[in-house]
Amino acid sequence: MIRKKLMMGSASIAAALTLAACGGEEADNSAAPEEQSETTNEAGEVLEEIDDPEEREESDGHGGMDHSSDGEVPDELMEAANPTYAVGDKATIQADHMPGMDGATATIAGAYDTTAYSVSYTPTDGGAPVENHKWVIHEELEDAQDDPYAEGDAVTLAADHMEGMEGASAAVDSAEETTVYMIDFENTETGESVSNHKWVTESELTAQ
């Protein structure tokens, strides 16, 4: 009889321990979704920061931008007679058209007097709309009129700075009569050497 009671007692204790263990597993499982949710949220925040320069470039509307060029300019583009920065001069870039540009040292490769436009357009290759792209100059517009365009005017782009730009219909966001510079510089984030980059305006350069 005593042995039977002991066996029953042992069975009760074992059952209690089993229930406690199951309860612990249920608690752990119920906590798992919370932990997963937090991880997902953290991952979402990291993705929003976009640490990769190329990904940031895409989000800024400069994906596919040809940073370097062959140095060719339109025939009708006039060289600046007395530019603030002459060919060969060095200046500091104060513009962030793309990652790694702001603060870089520029070597002037060309200086031209023209009207510079910031424009918004939808690429011809089906890419996402680009807003406030800087810069397209007057001589890079198809069938451009003699007088400068004004904010809100519709134009057709002949420039090929970015994929899907050439031939795209665009709206002028701003217009500035100024000296524009073609420059060489080293990207401060990637170390890439950029040659004959088009364009920065005079107000986006400071003397060294």
N, C-alpha and C. Protein backbone atom coordinates (compact mmCIF):
# COMPACT_ATOMS: atom_id res chain seq x y z
N MET A 1 0.84 -1.20 0.00
CA MET A 1 0.00 0.00 0.00
C MET A 1 0.87 1.25 0.00
N ILE A 2 1.87 1.21 0.87
CA ILE A 2 2.77 2.37 0.94
C ILE A 2 3.49 2.55 -0.38
N ARG A 3 3.90 1.38 -0.97
CA ARG A 3 4.60 1.47 -2.26
C ARG A 3 3.68 2.05 -3.32
N LYS A 4 2.37 1.66 -3.28
CA LYS A 4 1.43 2.17 -4.26
C LYS A 4 1.28 3.68 -4.14
N LYS A 5 1.21 4.16 -2.88
CA LYS A 5 1.07 5.60 -2.65
C LYS A 5 2.30 6.35 -3.15
N LEU A 6 3.49 5.76 -2.92
CA LEU A 6 4.71 6.40 -3.39
C LEU A 6 4.73 6.50 -4.91
N MET A 7 4.27 5.42 -5.54
CA MET A 7 4.25 5.43 -7.00
C MET A 7 3.27 6.48 -7.52
N MET A 8 2.12 6.59 -6.85
CA MET A 8 1.13 7.59 -7.27
C MET A 8 1.68 9.00 -7.05
N GLY A 9 2.38 9.18 -5.94
CA GLY A 9 2.98 10.49 -5.65
C GLY A 9 4.02 10.85 -6.69
N SER A 10 4.84 9.89 -7.06
CA SER A 10 5.87 10.13 -8.07
C SER A 10 5.24 10.49 -9.40
N ALA A 11 4.15 9.80 -9.74
CA ALA A 11 3.45 10.09 -11.00
C ALA A 11 2.89 11.50 -10.99
N SER A 12 2.36 11.92 -9.83
CA SER A 12 1.80 13.28 -9.73
C SER A 12 2.88 14.33 -9.91
N ILE A 13 4.02 14.09 -9.26
CA ILE A 13 5.14 15.04 -9.38
C ILE A 13 5.62 15.12 -10.82
N ALA A 14 5.73 13.96 -11.48
CA ALA A 14 6.18 13.93 -12.88
C ALA A 14 5.21 14.68 -13.77
N ALA A 15 3.91 14.49 -13.51
CA ALA A 15 2.89 15.19 -14.31
C ALA A 15 2.99 16.69 -14.11
N ALA A 16 3.22 17.08 -12.86
CA ALA A 16 3.33 18.52 -12.55
C ALA A 16 4.53 19.13 -13.26
N LEU A 17 5.64 18.41 -13.22
CA LEU A 17 6.84 18.90 -13.89
C LEU A 17 6.62 19.01 -15.39
N THR A 18 5.93 18.01 -15.97
CA THR A 18 5.64 18.03 -17.41
C THR A 18 4.79 19.23 -17.77
N LEU A 19 3.76 19.51 -16.97
CA LEU A 19 2.89 20.67 -17.21
C LEU A 19 3.67 21.97 -17.11
N ALA A 20 4.55 22.04 -16.13
CA ALA A 20 5.36 23.26 -15.95
C ALA A 20 6.26 23.47 -17.15
N ALA A 21 6.84 22.36 -17.63
CA ALA A 21 7.72 22.47 -18.80
C ALA A 21 6.94 22.93 -20.01
N CYS A 22 5.72 22.36 -20.19
CA CYS A 22 4.89 22.78 -21.33
C CYS A 22 4.53 24.25 -21.23
N GLY A 23 4.20 24.66 -19.99
CA GLY A 23 3.86 26.07 -19.78
C GLY A 23 5.02 26.97 -20.15
N GLY A 24 6.26 26.55 -19.81
CA GLY A 24 7.44 27.33 -20.14
C GLY A 24 7.63 27.43 -21.64
N GLU A 25 7.38 26.32 -22.36
CA GLU A 25 7.53 26.33 -23.81
C GLU A 25 6.53 27.27 -24.43
N GLU A 26 5.29 27.25 -23.92
CA GLU A 26 4.26 28.14 -24.45
C GLU A 26 4.66 29.59 -24.25
N ALA A 27 5.23 29.90 -23.08
CA ALA A 27 5.66 31.28 -22.80
C ALA A 27 6.75 31.69 -23.77
N ASP A 28 7.71 30.76 -24.03
CA ASP A 28 8.79 31.07 -24.96
C ASP A 28 8.26 31.31 -26.35
N ASN A 29 7.28 30.45 -26.78
CA ASN A 29 6.73 30.59 -28.12
C ASN A 29 5.96 31.88 -28.27
N SER A 30 5.26 32.26 -27.20
CA SER A 30 4.48 33.50 -27.29
C SER A 30 5.40 34.71 -27.36
N ALA A 31 6.64 34.58 -26.81
CA ALA A 31 7.58 35.70 -26.85
C ALA A 31 8.26 35.80 -28.21
N ALA A 32 8.32 34.67 -28.92
CA ALA A 32 9.06 34.65 -30.18
C ALA A 32 8.55 35.65 -31.21
N PRO A 33 7.19 35.74 -31.42
CA PRO A 33 6.72 36.72 -32.40
C PRO A 33 7.14 38.13 -32.08
N GLU A 34 7.14 38.47 -30.74
CA GLU A 34 7.55 39.82 -30.35
C GLU A 34 8.99 40.08 -30.76
N GLU A 35 9.85 39.08 -30.47
CA GLU A 35 11.27 39.23 -30.81
C GLU A 35 11.43 39.36 -32.31
N GLN A 36 10.67 38.55 -33.08
CA GLN A 36 10.77 38.60 -34.53
C GLN A 36 10.30 39.95 -35.05
N SER A 37 9.22 40.47 -34.42
CA SER A 37 8.68 41.77 -34.84
C SER A 37 9.70 42.86 -34.61
N GLU A 38 10.39 42.80 -33.45
CA GLU A 38 11.40 43.82 -33.16
C GLU A 38 12.54 43.75 -34.16
N THR A 39 12.96 42.52 -34.49
CA THR A 39 14.05 42.35 -35.45
C THR A 39 13.65 42.91 -36.80
N THR A 40 12.40 42.64 -37.19
CA THR A 40 11.92 43.14 -38.48
C THR A 40 11.91 44.65 -38.49
N ASN A 41 11.44 45.24 -37.38
CA ASN A 41 11.41 46.70 -37.31
C ASN A 41 12.79 47.29 -37.41
N GLU A 42 13.74 46.68 -36.68
CA GLU A 42 15.11 47.18 -36.72
C GLU A 42 15.67 47.08 -38.12
N ALA A 43 15.39 45.96 -38.78
CA ALA A 43 15.89 45.78 -40.15
C ALA A 43 15.28 46.83 -41.07
N GLY A 44 14.00 47.13 -40.84
CA GLY A 44 13.35 48.15 -41.66
C GLY A 44 14.00 49.49 -41.49
N GLU A 45 14.37 49.83 -40.24
CA GLU A 45 15.01 51.12 -39.99
C GLU A 45 16.37 51.19 -40.67
N VAL A 46 17.11 50.10 -40.64
CA VAL A 46 18.43 50.09 -41.27
C VAL A 46 18.29 50.27 -42.77
N LEU A 47 17.29 49.58 -43.36
CA LEU A 47 17.09 49.71 -44.80
C LEU A 47 16.73 51.12 -45.19
N GLU A 48 15.96 51.81 -44.35
CA GLU A 48 15.57 53.17 -44.67
C GLU A 48 16.76 54.11 -44.68
N GLU A 49 17.80 53.78 -43.89
CA GLU A 49 18.97 54.64 -43.85
C GLU A 49 19.78 54.57 -45.14
N ILE A 50 19.71 53.44 -45.86
CA ILE A 50 20.41 53.22 -47.13
C ILE A 50 21.88 53.60 -47.02
N ASP A 51 22.67 52.70 -46.42
CA ASP A 51 24.08 52.98 -46.21
C ASP A 51 24.90 52.90 -47.49
N ASP A 52 24.43 52.10 -48.47
CA ASP A 52 25.21 51.93 -49.69
C ASP A 52 25.09 53.16 -50.58
N PRO A 53 26.21 53.77 -51.01
CA PRO A 53 26.17 54.98 -51.82
C PRO A 53 25.38 54.82 -53.11
N GLU A 54 25.49 53.63 -53.75
CA GLU A 54 24.78 53.43 -55.00
C GLU A 54 23.29 53.41 -54.77
N GLU A 55 22.82 52.80 -53.63
CA GLU A 55 21.40 52.78 -53.33
C GLU A 55 20.90 54.18 -53.02
N ARG A 56 21.70 54.99 -52.31
CA ARG A 56 21.31 56.36 -52.03
C ARG A 56 21.18 57.13 -53.33
N GLU A 57 22.07 56.84 -54.25
CA GLU A 57 22.05 57.53 -55.52
C GLU A 57 20.75 57.26 -56.25
N GLU A 58 20.31 55.98 -56.23
CA GLU A 58 19.06 55.65 -56.88
C GLU A 58 17.91 56.42 -56.26
N SER A 59 17.88 56.51 -54.91
CA SER A 59 16.79 57.18 -54.24
C SER A 59 16.79 58.67 -54.49
N ASP A 60 17.94 59.24 -54.79
CA ASP A 60 18.03 60.67 -55.07
C ASP A 60 17.77 61.01 -56.52
N GLY A 61 17.45 60.01 -57.32
CA GLY A 61 17.19 60.28 -58.71
C GLY A 61 18.43 60.41 -59.55
N HIS A 62 19.55 59.90 -59.09
CA HIS A 62 20.78 59.96 -59.87
C HIS A 62 21.31 58.58 -60.19
N GLY A 63 20.45 57.58 -60.11
CA GLY A 63 20.88 56.26 -60.51
C GLY A 63 21.19 56.22 -61.99
N GLY A 64 22.26 55.54 -62.36
CA GLY A 64 22.63 55.46 -63.77
C GLY A 64 23.31 56.71 -64.28
N MET A 65 23.65 57.63 -63.38
CA MET A 65 24.28 58.86 -63.83
C MET A 65 25.69 58.59 -64.31
N ASP A 66 26.02 59.16 -65.48
CA ASP A 66 27.36 59.02 -66.02
C ASP A 66 28.22 60.12 -65.41
N HIS A 67 28.88 59.82 -64.29
CA HIS A 67 29.65 60.82 -63.57
C HIS A 67 30.74 61.44 -64.44
N SER A 68 31.43 60.60 -65.19
CA SER A 68 32.46 61.08 -66.09
C SER A 68 31.86 61.29 -67.48
N SER A 69 32.56 62.05 -68.31
CA SER A 69 32.13 62.22 -69.69
C SER A 69 33.36 62.28 -70.57
N ASP A 70 33.12 62.31 -71.89
CA ASP A 70 34.24 62.38 -72.82
C ASP A 70 34.74 63.81 -73.00
N GLY A 71 34.10 64.75 -72.31
CA GLY A 71 34.54 66.14 -72.39
C GLY A 71 33.95 66.91 -73.56
N GLU A 72 33.15 66.23 -74.39
CA GLU A 72 32.54 66.92 -75.53
C GLU A 72 31.45 67.87 -75.03
N VAL A 73 31.38 69.04 -75.67
CA VAL A 73 30.35 70.04 -75.34
C VAL A 73 29.66 70.47 -76.63
N PRO A 74 28.44 70.98 -76.54
CA PRO A 74 27.75 71.44 -77.75
C PRO A 74 28.56 72.52 -78.48
N ASP A 75 28.48 72.49 -79.81
CA ASP A 75 29.26 73.44 -80.62
C ASP A 75 28.94 74.89 -80.28
N GLU A 76 27.67 75.15 -79.97
CA GLU A 76 27.24 76.53 -79.74
C GLU A 76 27.54 77.03 -78.32
N LEU A 77 28.04 76.16 -77.46
CA LEU A 77 28.35 76.57 -76.09
C LEU A 77 29.60 77.44 -76.07
N MET A 78 29.47 78.61 -75.45
CA MET A 78 30.56 79.60 -75.44
C MET A 78 31.43 79.46 -74.20
N GLU A 79 32.73 79.40 -74.40
CA GLU A 79 33.65 79.39 -73.26
C GLU A 79 33.55 80.73 -72.52
N ALA A 80 33.67 80.68 -71.20
CA ALA A 80 33.61 81.90 -70.40
C ALA A 80 34.84 82.75 -70.67
N ALA A 81 34.61 84.05 -70.90
CA ALA A 81 35.72 84.95 -71.24
C ALA A 81 36.60 85.22 -70.03
N ASN A 82 35.99 85.36 -68.86
CA ASN A 82 36.76 85.70 -67.66
C ASN A 82 36.17 84.98 -66.45
N PRO A 83 36.28 83.65 -66.41
CA PRO A 83 35.65 82.89 -65.32
C PRO A 83 36.35 83.10 -63.99
N THR A 84 35.62 82.94 -62.92
CA THR A 84 36.21 83.03 -61.57
C THR A 84 37.26 81.93 -61.39
N TYR A 85 36.99 80.77 -61.94
CA TYR A 85 37.94 79.65 -61.85
C TYR A 85 38.35 79.27 -63.27
N ALA A 86 39.64 79.38 -63.56
CA ALA A 86 40.16 79.07 -64.89
C ALA A 86 40.48 77.58 -64.99
N VAL A 87 40.64 77.11 -66.21
CA VAL A 87 41.00 75.71 -66.43
C VAL A 87 42.31 75.41 -65.68
N GLY A 88 42.28 74.33 -64.91
CA GLY A 88 43.45 73.95 -64.12
C GLY A 88 43.39 74.40 -62.67
N ASP A 89 42.52 75.40 -62.37
CA ASP A 89 42.36 75.85 -60.98
C ASP A 89 41.70 74.76 -60.15
N LYS A 90 41.94 74.84 -58.84
CA LYS A 90 41.28 73.92 -57.91
C LYS A 90 40.28 74.69 -57.05
N ALA A 91 39.18 74.03 -56.72
CA ALA A 91 38.14 74.63 -55.89
C ALA A 91 37.46 73.52 -55.10
N THR A 92 36.76 73.90 -54.04
CA THR A 92 36.03 72.93 -53.23
C THR A 92 34.57 72.90 -53.67
N ILE A 93 34.05 71.70 -53.89
CA ILE A 93 32.67 71.55 -54.33
C ILE A 93 31.73 71.70 -53.14
N GLN A 94 30.74 72.56 -53.30
CA GLN A 94 29.70 72.76 -52.28
C GLN A 94 28.35 72.36 -52.88
N ALA A 95 28.27 71.14 -53.34
CA ALA A 95 27.04 70.62 -53.95
C ALA A 95 26.93 69.14 -53.64
N ASP A 96 25.71 68.65 -53.50
CA ASP A 96 25.50 67.24 -53.17
C ASP A 96 24.59 66.58 -54.20
N HIS A 97 24.88 66.82 -55.48
CA HIS A 97 24.09 66.19 -56.53
C HIS A 97 24.11 64.68 -56.40
N MET A 98 25.20 64.15 -55.83
CA MET A 98 25.35 62.71 -55.66
C MET A 98 26.23 62.45 -54.44
N PRO A 99 26.17 61.26 -53.85
CA PRO A 99 27.03 60.95 -52.71
C PRO A 99 28.50 61.07 -53.07
N GLY A 100 29.30 61.61 -52.13
CA GLY A 100 30.73 61.70 -52.32
C GLY A 100 31.20 62.91 -53.10
N MET A 101 30.28 63.82 -53.38
CA MET A 101 30.63 65.01 -54.16
C MET A 101 30.88 66.21 -53.24
N ASP A 102 30.02 66.42 -52.29
CA ASP A 102 30.11 67.59 -51.42
C ASP A 102 31.42 67.57 -50.63
N GLY A 103 32.18 68.64 -50.73
CA GLY A 103 33.45 68.75 -50.01
C GLY A 103 34.65 68.24 -50.77
N ALA A 104 34.43 67.62 -51.93
CA ALA A 104 35.56 67.11 -52.72
C ALA A 104 36.30 68.27 -53.38
N THR A 105 37.55 68.04 -53.70
CA THR A 105 38.36 69.03 -54.41
C THR A 105 38.18 68.85 -55.91
N ALA A 106 37.79 69.92 -56.58
CA ALA A 106 37.57 69.89 -58.02
C ALA A 106 38.74 70.55 -58.75
N THR A 107 39.10 69.98 -59.87
CA THR A 107 40.03 70.62 -60.80
C THR A 107 39.22 71.05 -62.02
N ILE A 108 39.29 72.32 -62.35
CA ILE A 108 38.46 72.85 -63.43
C ILE A 108 38.95 72.33 -64.78
N ALA A 109 38.01 71.72 -65.53
CA ALA A 109 38.33 71.20 -66.86
C ALA A 109 37.74 72.05 -67.97
N GLY A 110 36.79 72.91 -67.62
CA GLY A 110 36.17 73.79 -68.60
C GLY A 110 35.25 74.77 -67.91
N ALA A 111 35.09 75.97 -68.50
CA ALA A 111 34.22 77.00 -67.93
C ALA A 111 33.43 77.64 -69.07
N TYR A 112 32.10 77.73 -68.91
CA TYR A 112 31.24 78.17 -69.99
C TYR A 112 30.13 79.08 -69.45
N ASP A 113 29.80 80.09 -70.23
CA ASP A 113 28.69 80.99 -69.86
C ASP A 113 27.42 80.51 -70.54
N THR A 114 26.36 80.30 -69.74
CA THR A 114 25.12 79.75 -70.27
C THR A 114 24.00 79.93 -69.26
N THR A 115 22.87 79.30 -69.51
CA THR A 115 21.79 79.21 -68.52
C THR A 115 21.71 77.77 -68.06
N ALA A 116 21.77 77.58 -66.75
CA ALA A 116 21.68 76.24 -66.17
C ALA A 116 20.28 76.02 -65.62
N TYR A 117 19.74 74.83 -65.88
CA TYR A 117 18.38 74.51 -65.45
C TYR A 117 18.39 73.30 -64.52
N SER A 118 17.55 73.37 -63.50
CA SER A 118 17.19 72.14 -62.78
C SER A 118 15.85 71.71 -63.37
N VAL A 119 15.71 70.43 -63.61
CA VAL A 119 14.54 69.92 -64.33
C VAL A 119 13.97 68.68 -63.67
N SER A 120 12.69 68.46 -63.92
CA SER A 120 12.02 67.23 -63.49
C SER A 120 11.51 66.53 -64.74
N TYR A 121 11.65 65.21 -64.78
CA TYR A 121 11.25 64.48 -65.98
C TYR A 121 11.04 63.00 -65.65
N THR A 122 10.39 62.31 -66.57
CA THR A 122 10.25 60.86 -66.46
C THR A 122 11.15 60.22 -67.50
N PRO A 123 12.10 59.37 -67.10
CA PRO A 123 13.04 58.76 -68.05
C PRO A 123 12.33 57.99 -69.15
N THR A 124 12.93 57.99 -70.31
CA THR A 124 12.35 57.30 -71.47
C THR A 124 12.47 55.78 -71.36
N ASP A 125 13.33 55.30 -70.43
CA ASP A 125 13.53 53.85 -70.30
C ASP A 125 12.61 53.22 -69.26
N GLY A 126 11.61 53.98 -68.81
CA GLY A 126 10.66 53.44 -67.84
C GLY A 126 11.08 53.58 -66.40
N GLY A 127 12.17 54.28 -66.14
CA GLY A 127 12.62 54.49 -64.76
C GLY A 127 11.70 55.41 -63.99
N ALA A 128 11.94 55.49 -62.68
CA ALA A 128 11.11 56.33 -61.81
C ALA A 128 11.30 57.81 -62.16
N PRO A 129 10.27 58.62 -61.99
CA PRO A 129 10.38 60.06 -62.25
C PRO A 129 11.53 60.68 -61.46
N VAL A 130 12.21 61.61 -62.09
CA VAL A 130 13.35 62.30 -61.47
C VAL A 130 12.93 63.74 -61.22
N GLU A 131 13.17 64.22 -60.01
CA GLU A 131 12.79 65.59 -59.65
C GLU A 131 14.03 66.44 -59.38
N ASN A 132 13.97 67.67 -59.87
CA ASN A 132 14.98 68.68 -59.55
C ASN A 132 16.40 68.21 -59.88
N HIS A 133 16.58 67.64 -61.06
CA HIS A 133 17.92 67.23 -61.48
C HIS A 133 18.77 68.45 -61.81
N LYS A 134 19.98 68.49 -61.27
CA LYS A 134 20.92 69.58 -61.53
C LYS A 134 22.19 69.01 -62.15
N TRP A 135 22.66 69.54 -63.27
CA TRP A 135 22.11 70.61 -64.08
C TRP A 135 22.03 70.15 -65.52
N VAL A 136 21.09 70.77 -66.28
CA VAL A 136 21.09 70.67 -67.72
C VAL A 136 21.23 72.09 -68.24
N ILE A 137 22.10 72.30 -69.22
CA ILE A 137 22.31 73.66 -69.71
C ILE A 137 21.46 73.91 -70.96
N HIS A 138 21.33 75.19 -71.31
CA HIS A 138 20.46 75.60 -72.41
C HIS A 138 20.81 74.88 -73.71
N GLU A 139 22.09 74.70 -73.94
CA GLU A 139 22.54 74.07 -75.18
C GLU A 139 22.31 72.56 -75.20
N GLU A 140 21.82 72.00 -74.10
CA GLU A 140 21.50 70.57 -74.03
C GLU A 140 20.01 70.32 -74.13
N LEU A 141 19.27 71.30 -74.64
CA LEU A 141 17.84 71.14 -74.87
C LEU A 141 17.58 71.01 -76.37
N GLU A 142 16.65 70.15 -76.74
CA GLU A 142 16.32 69.97 -78.15
C GLU A 142 15.55 71.19 -78.68
N ASP A 143 15.97 71.66 -79.85
CA ASP A 143 15.28 72.78 -80.51
C ASP A 143 15.06 73.93 -79.54
N ALA A 144 16.10 74.27 -78.80
CA ALA A 144 15.97 75.33 -77.78
C ALA A 144 15.72 76.69 -78.42
N GLN A 145 14.85 77.47 -77.82
CA GLN A 145 14.61 78.84 -78.27
C GLN A 145 15.82 79.69 -77.93
N ASP A 146 15.86 80.89 -78.48
CA ASP A 146 17.01 81.77 -78.23
C ASP A 146 17.05 82.27 -76.79
N ASP A 147 15.89 82.65 -76.27
CA ASP A 147 15.83 83.19 -74.91
C ASP A 147 15.79 82.07 -73.88
N PRO A 148 16.33 82.31 -72.70
CA PRO A 148 16.28 81.29 -71.64
C PRO A 148 14.84 80.92 -71.28
N TYR A 149 14.66 79.70 -70.87
CA TYR A 149 13.36 79.23 -70.40
C TYR A 149 13.15 79.67 -68.96
N ALA A 150 11.89 79.66 -68.55
CA ALA A 150 11.55 80.06 -67.18
C ALA A 150 10.96 78.88 -66.42
N GLU A 151 10.85 79.04 -65.12
CA GLU A 151 10.26 78.01 -64.27
C GLU A 151 8.88 77.61 -64.79
N GLY A 152 8.66 76.32 -64.92
CA GLY A 152 7.39 75.81 -65.38
C GLY A 152 7.32 75.52 -66.86
N ASP A 153 8.28 76.01 -67.64
CA ASP A 153 8.29 75.76 -69.08
C ASP A 153 8.56 74.28 -69.37
N ALA A 154 7.97 73.81 -70.47
CA ALA A 154 8.19 72.44 -70.92
C ALA A 154 9.32 72.42 -71.93
N VAL A 155 10.24 71.48 -71.78
CA VAL A 155 11.39 71.35 -72.68
C VAL A 155 11.62 69.87 -72.97
N THR A 156 12.44 69.61 -73.99
CA THR A 156 12.86 68.24 -74.30
C THR A 156 14.37 68.16 -74.13
N LEU A 157 14.82 67.16 -73.39
CA LEU A 157 16.23 67.04 -73.04
C LEU A 157 17.02 66.36 -74.15
N ALA A 158 18.18 66.93 -74.45
CA ALA A 158 19.11 66.31 -75.40
C ALA A 158 20.35 65.80 -74.68
N ALA A 159 20.46 66.05 -73.39
CA ALA A 159 21.61 65.60 -72.60
C ALA A 159 21.49 64.11 -72.29
N ASP A 160 22.64 63.47 -72.07
CA ASP A 160 22.64 62.04 -71.74
C ASP A 160 23.40 61.78 -70.45
N HIS A 161 23.27 62.69 -69.48
CA HIS A 161 23.95 62.53 -68.19
C HIS A 161 23.50 61.26 -67.47
N MET A 162 22.24 60.88 -67.67
CA MET A 162 21.67 59.73 -66.97
C MET A 162 20.94 58.84 -67.96
N GLU A 163 20.78 57.58 -67.59
CA GLU A 163 20.02 56.66 -68.43
C GLU A 163 18.58 57.15 -68.56
N GLY A 164 18.06 57.16 -69.78
CA GLY A 164 16.68 57.55 -70.00
C GLY A 164 16.46 59.05 -70.03
N MET A 165 17.54 59.84 -70.01
CA MET A 165 17.39 61.30 -70.02
C MET A 165 17.21 61.84 -71.43
N GLU A 166 18.04 61.39 -72.35
CA GLU A 166 18.00 61.94 -73.70
C GLU A 166 16.65 61.69 -74.36
N GLY A 167 16.03 62.76 -74.84
CA GLY A 167 14.72 62.66 -75.49
C GLY A 167 13.54 62.77 -74.55
N ALA A 168 13.78 62.85 -73.26
CA ALA A 168 12.68 62.91 -72.29
C ALA A 168 12.06 64.30 -72.24
N SER A 169 10.76 64.34 -72.02
CA SER A 169 10.07 65.61 -71.80
C SER A 169 10.29 66.03 -70.37
N ALA A 170 10.55 67.33 -70.16
CA ALA A 170 10.90 67.80 -68.82
C ALA A 170 10.20 69.12 -68.53
N ALA A 171 10.10 69.42 -67.25
CA ALA A 171 9.61 70.72 -66.80
C ALA A 171 10.75 71.44 -66.09
N VAL A 172 10.89 72.72 -66.39
CA VAL A 172 11.95 73.51 -65.77
C VAL A 172 11.55 73.86 -64.34
N ASP A 173 12.40 73.49 -63.39
CA ASP A 173 12.15 73.82 -61.97
C ASP A 173 12.77 75.16 -61.61
N SER A 174 13.94 75.45 -62.20
CA SER A 174 14.60 76.73 -61.95
C SER A 174 15.56 77.00 -63.09
N ALA A 175 15.88 78.27 -63.27
CA ALA A 175 16.81 78.68 -64.33
C ALA A 175 17.77 79.70 -63.76
N GLU A 176 19.04 79.57 -64.11
CA GLU A 176 20.07 80.46 -63.57
C GLU A 176 21.10 80.79 -64.65
N GLU A 177 21.19 82.06 -65.02
CA GLU A 177 22.23 82.48 -65.96
C GLU A 177 23.53 82.60 -65.17
N THR A 178 24.54 81.81 -65.58
CA THR A 178 25.73 81.70 -64.75
C THR A 178 26.88 81.12 -65.58
N THR A 179 28.02 80.97 -64.94
CA THR A 179 29.12 80.20 -65.51
C THR A 179 29.01 78.78 -64.97
N VAL A 180 29.01 77.81 -65.86
CA VAL A 180 29.01 76.42 -65.43
C VAL A 180 30.39 75.84 -65.67
N TYR A 181 30.75 74.86 -64.84
CA TYR A 181 32.09 74.28 -64.91
C TYR A 181 32.00 72.77 -65.13
N MET A 182 32.89 72.31 -66.00
CA MET A 182 33.13 70.88 -66.13
C MET A 182 34.33 70.60 -65.24
N ILE A 183 34.25 69.56 -64.42
CA ILE A 183 35.27 69.36 -63.39
C ILE A 183 35.75 67.91 -63.32
N ASP A 184 36.96 67.77 -62.78
CA ASP A 184 37.50 66.47 -62.39
C ASP A 184 37.55 66.44 -60.86
N PHE A 185 37.19 65.31 -60.26
CA PHE A 185 37.30 65.19 -58.81
C PHE A 185 37.33 63.74 -58.40
N GLU A 186 37.71 63.51 -57.16
CA GLU A 186 37.72 62.15 -56.60
C GLU A 186 36.57 62.03 -55.62
N ASN A 187 35.71 61.06 -55.85
CA ASN A 187 34.57 60.82 -54.97
C ASN A 187 35.07 60.52 -53.56
N THR A 188 34.59 61.28 -52.57
CA THR A 188 35.08 61.15 -51.20
C THR A 188 34.61 59.88 -50.52
N GLU A 189 33.59 59.21 -51.06
CA GLU A 189 33.07 58.00 -50.44
C GLU A 189 33.62 56.73 -51.08
N THR A 190 33.78 56.76 -52.40
CA THR A 190 34.20 55.55 -53.11
C THR A 190 35.65 55.60 -53.58
N GLY A 191 36.23 56.82 -53.62
CA GLY A 191 37.58 56.96 -54.15
C GLY A 191 37.63 56.96 -55.66
N GLU A 192 36.47 56.89 -56.30
CA GLU A 192 36.40 56.86 -57.76
C GLU A 192 36.89 58.19 -58.33
N SER A 193 37.70 58.13 -59.37
CA SER A 193 38.13 59.33 -60.08
C SER A 193 37.08 59.67 -61.14
N VAL A 194 36.57 60.89 -61.09
CA VAL A 194 35.54 61.34 -62.02
C VAL A 194 36.16 62.39 -62.93
N SER A 195 36.03 62.21 -64.23
CA SER A 195 36.63 63.12 -65.19
C SER A 195 35.56 63.83 -66.02
N ASN A 196 35.79 65.12 -66.24
CA ASN A 196 34.90 65.92 -67.10
C ASN A 196 33.44 65.82 -66.69
N HIS A 197 33.19 65.93 -65.39
CA HIS A 197 31.82 65.87 -64.88
C HIS A 197 31.06 67.13 -65.29
N LYS A 198 29.83 66.94 -65.76
CA LYS A 198 28.95 68.04 -66.15
C LYS A 198 27.74 68.06 -65.22
N TRP A 199 27.43 69.07 -64.55
CA TRP A 199 28.01 70.40 -64.44
C TRP A 199 27.94 70.82 -62.99
N VAL A 200 28.75 71.82 -62.60
CA VAL A 200 28.49 72.55 -61.35
C VAL A 200 28.46 74.03 -61.71
N THR A 201 27.69 74.78 -60.95
CA THR A 201 27.61 76.22 -61.21
C THR A 201 28.64 76.96 -60.36
N GLU A 202 28.83 78.21 -60.68
CA GLU A 202 29.85 79.00 -59.96
C GLU A 202 29.53 79.08 -58.47
N SER A 203 28.25 79.16 -58.12
CA SER A 203 27.86 79.28 -56.70
C SER A 203 28.09 77.97 -55.94
N GLU A 204 28.37 76.88 -56.64
CA GLU A 204 28.60 75.60 -55.98
C GLU A 204 30.08 75.29 -55.80
N LEU A 205 30.93 76.29 -56.03
CA LEU A 205 32.38 76.15 -55.84
C LEU A 205 32.88 77.24 -54.90
N THR A 206 33.85 76.89 -54.08
CA THR A 206 34.52 77.89 -53.26
C THR A 206 36.02 77.76 -53.46
N ALA A 207 36.71 78.89 -53.36
CA ALA A 207 38.15 78.91 -53.60
C ALA A 207 38.88 78.20 -52.47
N GLN A 208 40.02 77.62 -52.80
CA GLN A 208 40.85 76.94 -51.79
C GLN A 208 41.99 77.84 -51.38
